[in-house]
Amino acid sequence: MSVSAQEVGAVAAAVALAAVGGEVFLKGILGSARLLRLPKLLVATTLAAFATSSPELTVSSVAALSGAPEIGLGDALGSNVVNIALVFGIALLFGPIRVERSELGRDFALALAAPLATLWLVADDAVTRVEGGALLAVFAAWMFAAVRAGRTARSIGEEASGGTRPLAVILYLLGGLGALVAAGRLFVYGASGIAAAFGVDAYVIGALVVAIGTSLPELVTVLLARLRGHDDVGVGTLLGSNLFNGLAIVGVAASIHPIRAPFAEVAATLLAGVLALLLLVPGKGATIGRARGAMLLSCYAAFVLATVAAGRALH
């Protein structure tokens, strides 16, 4: 099978569309924080993270309904590695990021626990409907805690709305997200065709190719947030997105259709995700430096090699 010009063109169009959509979506996030009188970090962890994870939710649900939930599992777990190791690694190349350990708090602890729990669940090469339901229950508890935190922050009134127009915010969010999702789909179409031409199997395509496509919203949002001086938006979006992917999306996919996946393939993805998260722990002065960025990118490169090797060994 040969690679078509149409598939290459789809990848190129995806990059251009993502740049435009990301700029508009970032405006929507910042406007939402002002309108709701909530900290930007909280809005990024919940609203922005849910929105940017919608491509993973769509891919995983459709794959599960069609009887191929392994692609969705690879996409959701692979996206978490892409989010931290690749996206955050690239963001750090633009300079150090200040993050207080207290700001990471509960979200970071849960983001670290989720892949370890999934590793235990998939030890028998499967994630059952009951186990999927358990992941959804944990996710619901986290969302409840986030909503309570939001109410507390709003009662304090950290930021005034400043005349922000609700309709404009909604249009920015919907328009930007729509462009980002479309870019992700174009990327998945083009890159999946290219990968299939080289004989790559379903889980590996999900973990490496589809994961990058569905993580385009996070990638563009985080990089633009960095360039615009809103690092808290980037950090919150990535942590929240990881929680949505690891708990809600895997939970939904497994609840629709039990997932069968070789432990060796899944373990490589989960362990890479855990290692990447540990590299986010701030050093002295609450700073994550450029050196961490290089380490994160090395982690992603190792993850790609390990996933491809595991796929070839098992197939």
Protein backbone atom coordinates (compact mmCIF):
# COMPACT_ATOMS: atom_id res chain seq x y z
CA MET A 1 0.00 0.00 0.00
CA SER A 2 1.31 3.46 -0.90
CA VAL A 3 0.84 6.79 0.85
CA SER A 4 -1.56 9.09 -1.03
CA ALA A 5 -1.17 12.83 -1.59
CA GLN A 6 -4.63 13.25 -0.07
CA GLU A 7 -3.46 11.81 3.26
CA VAL A 8 -0.38 14.03 3.32
CA GLY A 9 -2.54 17.04 2.46
CA ALA A 10 -4.93 16.23 5.30
CA VAL A 11 -2.06 16.33 7.82
CA ALA A 12 -0.85 19.69 6.48
CA ALA A 13 -4.37 21.16 6.57
CA ALA A 14 -4.80 19.92 10.13
CA VAL A 15 -1.78 21.88 11.35
CA ALA A 16 -3.01 25.12 9.76
CA LEU A 17 -6.56 24.73 11.07
CA ALA A 18 -5.30 23.90 14.57
CA ALA A 19 -3.31 27.15 14.74
CA VAL A 20 -6.41 29.25 14.00
CA GLY A 21 -8.73 27.25 16.25
CA GLY A 22 -6.29 27.32 19.16
CA GLU A 23 -6.06 31.09 19.18
CA VAL A 24 -9.85 31.46 19.24
CA PHE A 25 -10.33 28.74 21.87
CA LEU A 26 -7.78 30.34 24.22
CA LYS A 27 -9.76 33.59 24.06
CA GLY A 28 -12.83 31.61 25.05
CA ILE A 29 -11.09 30.06 28.07
CA LEU A 30 -9.85 33.40 29.37
CA GLY A 31 -13.25 34.98 28.77
CA SER A 32 -14.97 32.16 30.66
CA ALA A 33 -12.73 32.68 33.67
CA ARG A 34 -13.60 36.40 33.75
CA LEU A 35 -17.29 35.80 33.14
CA LEU A 36 -17.64 33.11 35.83
CA ARG A 37 -15.31 34.93 38.26
CA LEU A 38 -13.20 31.79 38.63
CA PRO A 39 -9.41 31.24 38.66
CA LYS A 40 -8.02 30.48 35.21
CA LEU A 41 -6.39 27.30 36.53
CA LEU A 42 -9.74 25.91 37.69
CA VAL A 43 -11.48 26.76 34.42
CA ALA A 44 -8.63 25.15 32.47
CA THR A 45 -8.69 21.98 34.59
CA THR A 46 -12.43 21.45 34.12
CA LEU A 47 -14.10 23.30 31.24
CA ALA A 48 -11.09 23.55 28.92
CA ALA A 49 -9.91 20.02 29.71
CA PHE A 50 -13.35 18.55 29.01
CA ALA A 51 -13.59 20.45 25.73
CA THR A 52 -10.11 19.48 24.51
CA SER A 53 -10.77 15.83 25.45
CA SER A 54 -13.93 15.66 23.34
CA PRO A 55 -12.03 14.21 20.32
CA GLU A 56 -10.77 11.31 22.49
CA LEU A 57 -14.31 10.76 23.79
CA THR A 58 -15.70 10.65 20.25
CA VAL A 59 -13.00 8.30 18.94
CA SER A 60 -13.24 5.95 21.93
CA SER A 61 -17.05 5.80 21.93
CA VAL A 62 -17.32 5.19 18.19
CA ALA A 63 -14.56 2.56 18.33
CA ALA A 64 -16.26 0.77 21.26
CA LEU A 65 -19.68 0.84 19.57
CA SER A 66 -18.13 -0.67 16.45
CA GLY A 67 -16.60 -3.49 18.49
CA ALA A 68 -12.99 -2.23 18.39
CA PRO A 69 -12.48 -0.55 21.80
CA GLU A 70 -8.74 -1.25 21.67
CA ILE A 71 -8.26 1.73 19.36
CA GLY A 72 -10.09 3.93 21.87
CA LEU A 73 -8.01 2.59 24.75
CA GLY A 74 -4.80 3.25 22.86
CA ASP A 75 -6.02 6.73 21.94
CA ALA A 76 -7.01 7.72 25.50
CA LEU A 77 -3.89 6.35 27.19
CA GLY A 78 -1.57 7.44 24.39
CA SER A 79 -3.04 10.95 24.51
CA ASN A 80 -2.04 11.20 28.16
CA VAL A 81 1.57 10.49 27.25
CA VAL A 82 1.37 12.96 24.37
CA ASN A 83 -0.15 15.61 26.69
CA ILE A 84 2.62 15.54 29.26
CA ALA A 85 5.74 14.12 27.59
CA LEU A 86 5.34 15.67 24.15
CA VAL A 87 3.14 18.76 24.63
CA PHE A 88 4.59 19.91 27.95
CA GLY A 89 8.07 18.95 26.81
CA ILE A 90 7.73 21.23 23.77
CA ALA A 91 6.22 24.00 25.91
CA LEU A 92 9.27 23.93 28.21
CA LEU A 93 11.58 24.55 25.27
CA PHE A 94 10.19 28.11 25.24
CA GLY A 95 11.45 28.65 28.80
CA PRO A 96 10.94 27.53 32.43
CA ILE A 97 7.43 27.36 33.89
CA ARG A 98 6.61 28.37 37.46
CA VAL A 99 4.21 25.97 39.16
CA GLU A 100 3.59 25.82 42.90
CA ARG A 101 3.30 22.27 44.23
CA SER A 102 0.19 23.33 46.13
CA GLU A 103 -1.44 24.31 42.80
CA LEU A 104 -1.02 20.78 41.47
CA GLY A 105 -2.57 19.28 44.61
CA ARG A 106 -5.44 16.79 44.33
CA ASP A 107 -5.56 16.81 40.52
CA PHE A 108 -1.92 15.77 40.22
CA ALA A 109 -2.27 12.99 42.81
CA LEU A 110 -5.31 11.56 41.02
CA ALA A 111 -3.67 11.90 37.59
CA LEU A 112 -0.78 9.84 38.98
CA ALA A 113 -3.03 7.23 40.63
CA ALA A 114 -5.30 6.69 37.59
CA PRO A 115 -2.71 5.02 35.29
CA LEU A 116 -1.43 2.85 38.16
CA ALA A 117 -4.99 1.68 38.83
CA THR A 118 -5.52 1.00 35.12
CA LEU A 119 -2.27 -0.99 35.04
CA TRP A 120 -3.68 -3.22 37.78
CA LEU A 121 -7.03 -3.56 35.99
CA VAL A 122 -5.45 -4.61 32.70
CA ALA A 123 -3.16 -7.21 34.29
CA ASP A 124 -5.49 -9.91 32.93
CA ASP A 125 -5.33 -8.37 29.43
CA ALA A 126 -8.82 -6.88 29.77
CA VAL A 127 -10.88 -4.00 31.18
CA THR A 128 -14.41 -5.22 31.98
CA ARG A 129 -17.67 -3.26 32.11
CA VAL A 130 -17.61 -3.36 35.92
CA GLU A 131 -14.07 -1.97 35.97
CA GLY A 132 -15.10 0.71 33.48
CA GLY A 133 -17.96 1.66 35.80
CA ALA A 134 -15.51 1.93 38.71
CA LEU A 135 -13.35 4.37 36.71
CA LEU A 136 -16.44 6.46 35.93
CA ALA A 137 -17.37 6.54 39.62
CA VAL A 138 -13.93 7.91 40.54
CA PHE A 139 -14.24 10.48 37.78
CA ALA A 140 -17.67 11.57 39.06
CA ALA A 141 -16.24 12.04 42.56
CA TRP A 142 -13.42 14.19 41.17
CA MET A 143 -15.88 16.33 39.21
CA PHE A 144 -18.02 16.81 42.33
CA ALA A 145 -14.95 18.01 44.25
CA ALA A 146 -14.00 20.35 41.38
CA VAL A 147 -17.48 21.87 41.29
CA ARG A 148 -17.36 22.48 45.05
CA ALA A 149 -13.97 24.14 44.68
CA GLY A 150 -15.43 26.29 41.91
CA ARG A 151 -18.29 27.46 44.09
CA THR A 152 -15.90 28.38 46.87
CA ALA A 153 -13.64 30.32 44.51
CA ARG A 154 -16.62 32.14 43.01
CA SER A 155 -17.97 33.12 46.42
CA ILE A 156 -14.61 34.71 47.18
CA GLY A 157 -14.92 36.60 43.89
CA GLU A 158 -11.34 36.42 42.71
CA GLU A 159 -12.03 38.13 39.37
CA ALA A 160 -14.76 40.45 38.22
CA SER A 161 -16.42 39.77 34.89
CA GLY A 162 -15.20 43.12 33.56
CA GLY A 163 -18.00 43.52 31.04
CA THR A 164 -17.21 40.25 29.27
CA ARG A 165 -19.99 39.41 26.84
CA PRO A 166 -21.40 35.88 27.38
CA LEU A 167 -22.34 35.39 23.71
CA ALA A 168 -18.83 36.30 22.55
CA VAL A 169 -17.30 33.84 25.04
CA ILE A 170 -19.61 31.04 23.88
CA LEU A 171 -18.83 31.73 20.23
CA TYR A 172 -15.09 31.76 20.92
CA LEU A 173 -15.30 28.45 22.77
CA LEU A 174 -17.51 26.69 20.23
CA GLY A 175 -15.77 28.12 17.16
CA GLY A 176 -12.28 27.46 18.46
CA LEU A 177 -13.09 23.96 19.67
CA GLY A 178 -14.86 23.12 16.41
CA ALA A 179 -11.77 24.10 14.44
CA LEU A 180 -9.51 22.11 16.77
CA VAL A 181 -11.67 18.99 16.57
CA ALA A 182 -11.82 19.26 12.77
CA ALA A 183 -8.04 19.61 12.70
CA GLY A 184 -7.71 16.52 14.88
CA ARG A 185 -9.95 14.49 12.57
CA LEU A 186 -8.03 15.59 9.50
CA PHE A 187 -4.78 14.60 11.21
CA VAL A 188 -6.17 11.20 12.27
CA TYR A 189 -7.40 10.51 8.73
CA GLY A 190 -4.12 11.43 7.10
CA ALA A 191 -1.73 9.97 9.67
CA SER A 192 -3.72 6.74 10.16
CA GLY A 193 -3.62 6.10 6.42
CA ILE A 194 0.12 6.72 6.38
CA ALA A 195 0.66 4.40 9.37
CA ALA A 196 -1.53 1.65 7.90
CA ALA A 197 0.56 1.79 4.73
CA PHE A 198 3.51 0.66 6.84
CA GLY A 199 1.56 -2.21 8.44
CA VAL A 200 1.14 -0.76 11.96
CA ASP A 201 -1.47 -2.58 14.12
CA ALA A 202 -4.66 -1.11 15.65
CA TYR A 203 -3.51 -0.46 19.24
CA VAL A 204 -0.23 1.11 18.08
CA ILE A 205 -2.09 3.35 15.59
CA GLY A 206 -4.37 4.40 18.46
CA ALA A 207 -1.56 5.04 20.94
CA LEU A 208 0.80 6.83 18.58
CA VAL A 209 -1.07 8.24 15.59
CA VAL A 210 -4.67 8.82 16.68
CA ALA A 211 -3.43 10.04 20.09
CA ILE A 212 -1.46 12.88 18.51
CA GLY A 213 -4.41 13.85 16.33
CA THR A 214 -6.88 13.96 19.19
CA SER A 215 -4.32 15.78 21.36
CA LEU A 216 -3.97 18.63 18.87
CA PRO A 217 -6.42 20.78 20.90
CA GLU A 218 -4.23 20.42 24.01
CA LEU A 219 -1.03 20.96 22.05
CA VAL A 220 -2.18 24.18 20.42
CA THR A 221 -3.95 25.51 23.54
CA VAL A 222 -0.91 24.94 25.77
CA LEU A 223 1.62 26.40 23.34
CA LEU A 224 -0.49 29.50 22.72
CA ALA A 225 -1.10 29.88 26.47
CA ARG A 226 2.67 29.83 26.96
CA LEU A 227 3.28 32.44 24.30
CA ARG A 228 0.52 34.67 25.74
CA GLY A 229 1.81 34.39 29.32
CA HIS A 230 -0.95 32.16 30.73
CA ASP A 231 1.06 29.19 31.99
CA ASP A 232 -1.62 28.25 34.55
CA VAL A 233 -4.08 27.65 31.69
CA GLY A 234 -1.65 25.24 30.04
CA VAL A 235 -0.89 23.26 33.19
CA GLY A 236 -4.55 23.03 34.19
CA THR A 237 -5.65 21.94 30.72
CA LEU A 238 -3.12 19.12 30.58
CA LEU A 239 -3.84 17.76 34.07
CA GLY A 240 -7.59 17.95 33.60
CA SER A 241 -7.38 16.36 30.16
CA ASN A 242 -5.36 13.46 31.59
CA LEU A 243 -8.06 12.84 34.18
CA PHE A 244 -10.82 12.93 31.58
CA ASN A 245 -8.88 10.54 29.34
CA GLY A 246 -7.75 8.06 31.98
CA LEU A 247 -10.98 7.90 33.97
CA ALA A 248 -13.99 9.08 31.95
CA ILE A 249 -13.02 8.05 28.44
CA VAL A 250 -11.54 4.65 29.29
CA GLY A 251 -14.50 4.12 31.63
CA VAL A 252 -17.05 4.96 28.92
CA ALA A 253 -15.33 2.77 26.32
CA ALA A 254 -15.13 -0.24 28.67
CA SER A 255 -18.74 0.24 29.78
CA ILE A 256 -19.88 0.13 26.15
CA HIS A 257 -17.73 -2.86 25.19
CA PRO A 258 -15.23 -4.84 27.32
CA ILE A 259 -11.70 -4.09 26.19
CA ARG A 260 -9.19 -6.79 25.34
CA ALA A 261 -5.62 -5.54 25.06
CA PRO A 262 -2.22 -7.21 25.61
CA PHE A 263 -0.75 -6.18 28.96
CA ALA A 264 2.72 -5.57 27.46
CA GLU A 265 1.43 -2.97 24.99
CA VAL A 266 -0.75 -1.17 27.53
CA ALA A 267 1.89 -1.28 30.28
CA ALA A 268 4.40 0.58 28.08
CA THR A 269 1.89 3.40 27.60
CA LEU A 270 0.83 3.60 31.25
CA LEU A 271 4.36 3.53 32.66
CA ALA A 272 5.46 6.23 30.22
CA GLY A 273 2.53 8.34 31.43
CA VAL A 274 3.51 7.88 35.08
CA LEU A 275 7.16 8.74 34.40
CA ALA A 276 6.13 11.87 32.49
CA LEU A 277 3.91 13.02 35.36
CA LEU A 278 6.72 12.53 37.89
CA LEU A 279 8.90 14.80 35.75
CA LEU A 280 6.34 17.58 36.29
CA VAL A 281 7.06 17.85 40.03
CA PRO A 282 8.55 21.37 40.43
CA GLY A 283 12.12 21.75 41.61
CA LYS A 284 13.64 24.53 43.69
CA GLY A 285 11.80 27.81 43.43
CA ALA A 286 8.64 26.07 42.16
CA THR A 287 10.17 26.02 38.67
CA ILE A 288 10.11 23.38 35.95
CA GLY A 289 13.13 24.11 33.76
CA ARG A 290 14.14 23.49 30.16
CA ALA A 291 16.14 20.43 31.22
CA ARG A 292 12.87 18.78 32.24
CA GLY A 293 11.56 19.53 28.77
CA ALA A 294 14.43 17.59 27.22
CA MET A 295 13.78 14.72 29.63
CA LEU A 296 10.07 14.69 28.79
CA LEU A 297 10.78 14.60 25.06
CA SER A 298 13.25 11.75 25.63
CA CYS A 299 10.53 9.95 27.59
CA TYR A 300 8.15 10.34 24.65
CA ALA A 301 10.75 9.05 22.18
CA ALA A 302 11.35 6.00 24.40
CA PHE A 303 7.59 5.45 24.64
CA VAL A 304 7.24 5.44 20.85
CA LEU A 305 10.06 2.92 20.46
CA ALA A 306 8.73 0.67 23.25
CA THR A 307 5.18 0.71 21.86
CA VAL A 308 6.28 -0.13 18.33
CA ALA A 309 8.57 -2.90 19.62
CA ALA A 310 5.78 -4.39 21.75
CA GLY A 311 3.37 -4.27 18.82
CA ARG A 312 5.83 -6.05 16.53
CA ALA A 313 6.61 -8.71 19.16
CA LEU A 314 2.94 -9.50 19.73
CA HIS A 315 1.87 -9.39 16.11
